C-alpha atoms as a PDB file:
ATOM      1  CA  UNK A   1      -0.023  -0.250   0.165  1.00  0.00           C
ATOM      2  CA  UNK A   2       1.368   3.525  -0.930  1.00  0.00           C
ATOM      3  CA  UNK A   3       1.510   5.900   1.468  1.00  0.00           C
ATOM      4  CA  UNK A   4       1.947   9.875   0.550  1.00  0.00           C
ATOM      5  CA  UNK A   5       2.372  12.515   3.135  1.00  0.00           C
ATOM      6  CA  UNK A   6       2.517  15.824   2.640  1.00  0.00           C
ATOM      7  CA  UNK A   7       4.247  18.916   4.791  1.00  0.00           C
ATOM      8  CA  UNK A   8       5.120  22.333   4.317  1.00  0.00           C
ATOM      9  CA  UNK A   9       1.686  23.946   4.734  1.00  0.00           C
ATOM     10  CA  UNK A  10       1.091  27.047   6.639  1.00  0.00           C
ATOM     11  CA  UNK A  11      -0.030  30.704   6.922  1.00  0.00           C
ATOM     12  CA  UNK A  12       1.611  33.143   4.744  1.00  0.00           C
ATOM     13  CA  UNK A  13       0.602  36.525   3.984  1.00  0.00           C
ATOM     14  CA  UNK A  14       0.066  37.649   0.427  1.00  0.00           C
ATOM     15  CA  UNK A  15       3.340  37.594  -1.810  1.00  0.00           C
ATOM     16  CA  UNK A  16       5.340  35.182   0.337  1.00  0.00           C
ATOM     17  CA  UNK A  17       6.351  31.785  -0.338  1.00  0.00           C
ATOM     18  CA  UNK A  18       5.639  27.892   0.880  1.00  0.00           C
ATOM     19  CA  UNK A  19       7.402  24.742  -0.234  1.00  0.00           C
ATOM     20  CA  UNK A  20       4.705  21.585   0.234  1.00  0.00           C
ATOM     21  CA  UNK A  21       6.711  18.379   0.192  1.00  0.00           C
ATOM     22  CA  UNK A  22       4.965  14.951  -0.494  1.00  0.00           C
ATOM     23  CA  UNK A  23       6.911  11.748   0.754  1.00  0.00           C
ATOM     24  CA  UNK A  24       5.903   8.620  -0.682  1.00  0.00           C
ATOM     25  CA  UNK A  25       6.440   5.103   1.471  1.00  0.00           C
ATOM     26  CA  UNK A  26       8.336   3.459  -1.499  1.00  0.00           C
ATOM     27  CA  UNK A  27       9.829   4.443  -4.761  1.00  0.00           C
ATOM     28  CA  UNK A  28       8.258   7.127  -6.741  1.00  0.00           C
ATOM     29  CA  UNK A  29       9.976   6.106  -9.928  1.00  0.00           C
ATOM     30  CA  UNK A  30       7.439   3.757 -10.662  1.00  0.00           C
ATOM     31  CA  UNK A  31       4.532   6.200 -10.886  1.00  0.00           C
ATOM     32  CA  UNK A  32       3.940   7.643 -14.212  1.00  0.00           C
ATOM     33  CA  UNK A  33       2.811  10.876 -12.879  1.00  0.00           C
ATOM     34  CA  UNK A  34       2.771  12.712  -9.956  1.00  0.00           C
ATOM     35  CA  UNK A  35       0.602  16.063  -9.144  1.00  0.00           C
ATOM     36  CA  UNK A  36      -0.513  18.514  -6.784  1.00  0.00           C
ATOM     37  CA  UNK A  37      -4.122  19.028  -6.432  1.00  0.00           C
ATOM     38  CA  UNK A  38      -5.965  21.604  -4.181  1.00  0.00           C
ATOM     39  CA  UNK A  39      -9.248  22.589  -2.818  1.00  0.00           C
ATOM     40  CA  UNK A  40     -10.772  25.538  -1.756  1.00  0.00           C
ATOM     41  CA  UNK A  41     -13.883  25.592   0.547  1.00  0.00           C
ATOM     42  CA  UNK A  42     -17.280  24.967  -1.623  1.00  0.00           C
ATOM     43  CA  UNK A  43     -15.143  24.507  -4.578  1.00  0.00           C
ATOM     44  CA  UNK A  44     -14.200  21.243  -6.388  1.00  0.00           C
ATOM     45  CA  UNK A  45     -10.251  19.266  -5.716  1.00  0.00           C
ATOM     46  CA  UNK A  46      -8.414  20.771  -8.810  1.00  0.00           C
ATOM     47  CA  UNK A  47      -5.297  19.886 -10.830  1.00  0.00           C
ATOM     48  CA  UNK A  48      -2.505  22.361  -9.870  1.00  0.00           C
ATOM     49  CA  UNK A  49       0.430  20.987 -11.532  1.00  0.00           C
ATOM     50  CA  UNK A  50       1.997  17.742 -12.508  1.00  0.00           C
ATOM     51  CA  UNK A  51       5.251  16.185 -13.520  1.00  0.00           C
ATOM     52  CA  UNK A  52       6.018  13.149 -15.158  1.00  0.00           C
ATOM     53  CA  UNK A  53       8.481  10.566 -14.618  1.00  0.00           C
ATOM     54  CA  UNK A  54      10.589  12.219 -17.169  1.00  0.00           C
ATOM     55  CA  UNK A  55      10.256  15.492 -15.283  1.00  0.00           C
ATOM     56  CA  UNK A  56       7.717  17.021 -18.029  1.00  0.00           C
ATOM     57  CA  UNK A  57       5.886  19.401 -16.148  1.00  0.00           C
ATOM     58  CA  UNK A  58       2.256  21.107 -16.495  1.00  0.00           C
ATOM     59  CA  UNK A  59       0.676  23.564 -14.521  1.00  0.00           C
ATOM     60  CA  UNK A  60      -2.682  25.198 -14.392  1.00  0.00           C
ATOM     61  CA  UNK A  61      -2.504  28.697 -15.999  1.00  0.00           C
ATOM     62  CA  UNK A  62      -3.408  30.512 -12.557  1.00  0.00           C
ATOM     63  CA  UNK A  63      -0.381  29.266 -11.157  1.00  0.00           C
ATOM     64  CA  UNK A  64       2.386  29.526 -14.261  1.00  0.00           C
ATOM     65  CA  UNK A  65       5.551  31.486 -13.452  1.00  0.00           C
ATOM     66  CA  UNK A  66       4.762  31.348  -9.753  1.00  0.00           C
ATOM     67  CA  UNK A  67       5.000  27.798  -8.941  1.00  0.00           C
ATOM     68  CA  UNK A  68       7.268  25.027  -9.945  1.00  0.00           C
ATOM     69  CA  UNK A  69       6.694  21.304  -8.984  1.00  0.00           C
ATOM     70  CA  UNK A  70       9.753  19.024  -8.892  1.00  0.00           C
ATOM     71  CA  UNK A  71      10.675  15.568  -8.083  1.00  0.00           C
ATOM     72  CA  UNK A  72      13.636  13.788  -6.367  1.00  0.00           C
ATOM     73  CA  UNK A  73      13.245  10.089  -7.111  1.00  0.00           C
ATOM     74  CA  UNK A  74      16.533   9.255  -4.860  1.00  0.00           C
ATOM     75  CA  UNK A  75      14.206  10.621  -1.658  1.00  0.00           C
ATOM     76  CA  UNK A  76      10.803   9.193  -3.149  1.00  0.00           C
ATOM     77  CA  UNK A  77       9.642  13.034  -2.606  1.00  0.00           C
ATOM     78  CA  UNK A  78       7.853  15.709  -5.093  1.00  0.00           C
ATOM     79  CA  UNK A  79       7.855  19.286  -4.275  1.00  0.00           C
ATOM     80  CA  UNK A  80       5.901  22.535  -5.012  1.00  0.00           C
ATOM     81  CA  UNK A  81       7.532  25.420  -4.942  1.00  0.00           C
ATOM     82  CA  UNK A  82       5.091  28.291  -4.228  1.00  0.00           C
ATOM     83  CA  UNK A  83       6.270  31.857  -5.036  1.00  0.00           C
ATOM     84  CA  UNK A  84       4.103  35.179  -5.071  1.00  0.00           C
ATOM     85  CA  UNK A  85       1.115  33.836  -3.327  1.00  0.00           C
ATOM     86  CA  UNK A  86      -2.005  35.091  -3.309  1.00  0.00           C
ATOM     87  CA  UNK A  87      -5.406  34.731  -1.593  1.00  0.00           C
ATOM     88  CA  UNK A  88      -6.780  32.790  -3.902  1.00  0.00           C
ATOM     89  CA  UNK A  89      -4.246  30.065  -3.450  1.00  0.00           C
ATOM     90  CA  UNK A  90      -5.958  29.442  -0.005  1.00  0.00           C
ATOM     91  CA  UNK A  91      -6.982  25.767   0.030  1.00  0.00           C
ATOM     92  CA  UNK A  92      -6.016  22.090   1.115  1.00  0.00           C
ATOM     93  CA  UNK A  93      -3.172  20.998  -1.172  1.00  0.00           C
ATOM     94  CA  UNK A  94      -3.155  17.001  -1.625  1.00  0.00           C
ATOM     95  CA  UNK A  95      -0.312  15.000  -3.134  1.00  0.00           C
ATOM     96  CA  UNK A  96      -0.994  12.381  -6.187  1.00  0.00           C
ATOM     97  CA  UNK A  97       0.385   9.903  -7.746  1.00  0.00           C
ATOM     98  CA  UNK A  98      -1.077   8.129 -11.034  1.00  0.00           C
ATOM     99  CA  UNK A  99      -4.035  10.233 -11.585  1.00  0.00           C
ATOM    100  CA  UNK A 100      -7.304  10.780 -10.377  1.00  0.00           C
ATOM    101  CA  UNK A 101      -7.714   6.567  -9.662  1.00  0.00           C
ATOM    102  CA  UNK A 102      -4.214   6.596  -8.093  1.00  0.00           C
ATOM    103  CA  UNK A 103      -3.113   7.441  -4.547  1.00  0.00           C
ATOM    104  CA  UNK A 104      -3.962  10.554  -2.295  1.00  0.00           C
ATOM    105  CA  UNK A 105      -2.094  11.654   0.335  1.00  0.00           C
ATOM    106  CA  UNK A 106      -4.340  13.479   3.405  1.00  0.00           C
ATOM    107  CA  UNK A 107      -3.709  17.093   2.687  1.00  0.00           C
ATOM    108  CA  UNK A 108      -1.963  20.121   3.903  1.00  0.00           C
ATOM    109  CA  UNK A 109      -3.544  23.390   4.548  1.00  0.00           C
ATOM    110  CA  UNK A 110      -2.549  26.534   2.846  1.00  0.00           C
ATOM    111  CA  UNK A 111      -3.980  29.924   4.060  1.00  0.00           C
ATOM    112  CA  UNK A 112      -2.742  33.059   2.575  1.00  0.00           C
ATOM    113  CA  UNK A 113      -3.818  36.245   4.426  1.00  0.00           C
ATOM    114  CA  UNK A 114      -4.077  39.877   2.475  1.00  0.00           C
END
């Protein structure tokens, strides 16, 4: 059973930065894609960014130029560097492996104050 554990969330002022980490219980190299999703209050969970096993990346338009997803296969960890944070980035952020029917972490709260 794969376990994904997120960390790095918290409260930050607008314009600030946070780095989220997602540690997997086993090798992440086997996953075709890993990603970060977020769910704001009253909204559906939505993709933020994903990264393939070959390190190709894709971002939702609203975070392009501000967020960077990366992976370290030696540490079985995926990161999401978030810069220039905005109040609308406030959400619970979830780590995912292998898409919507794959594996999920429990989430980490990110709150951006104005």
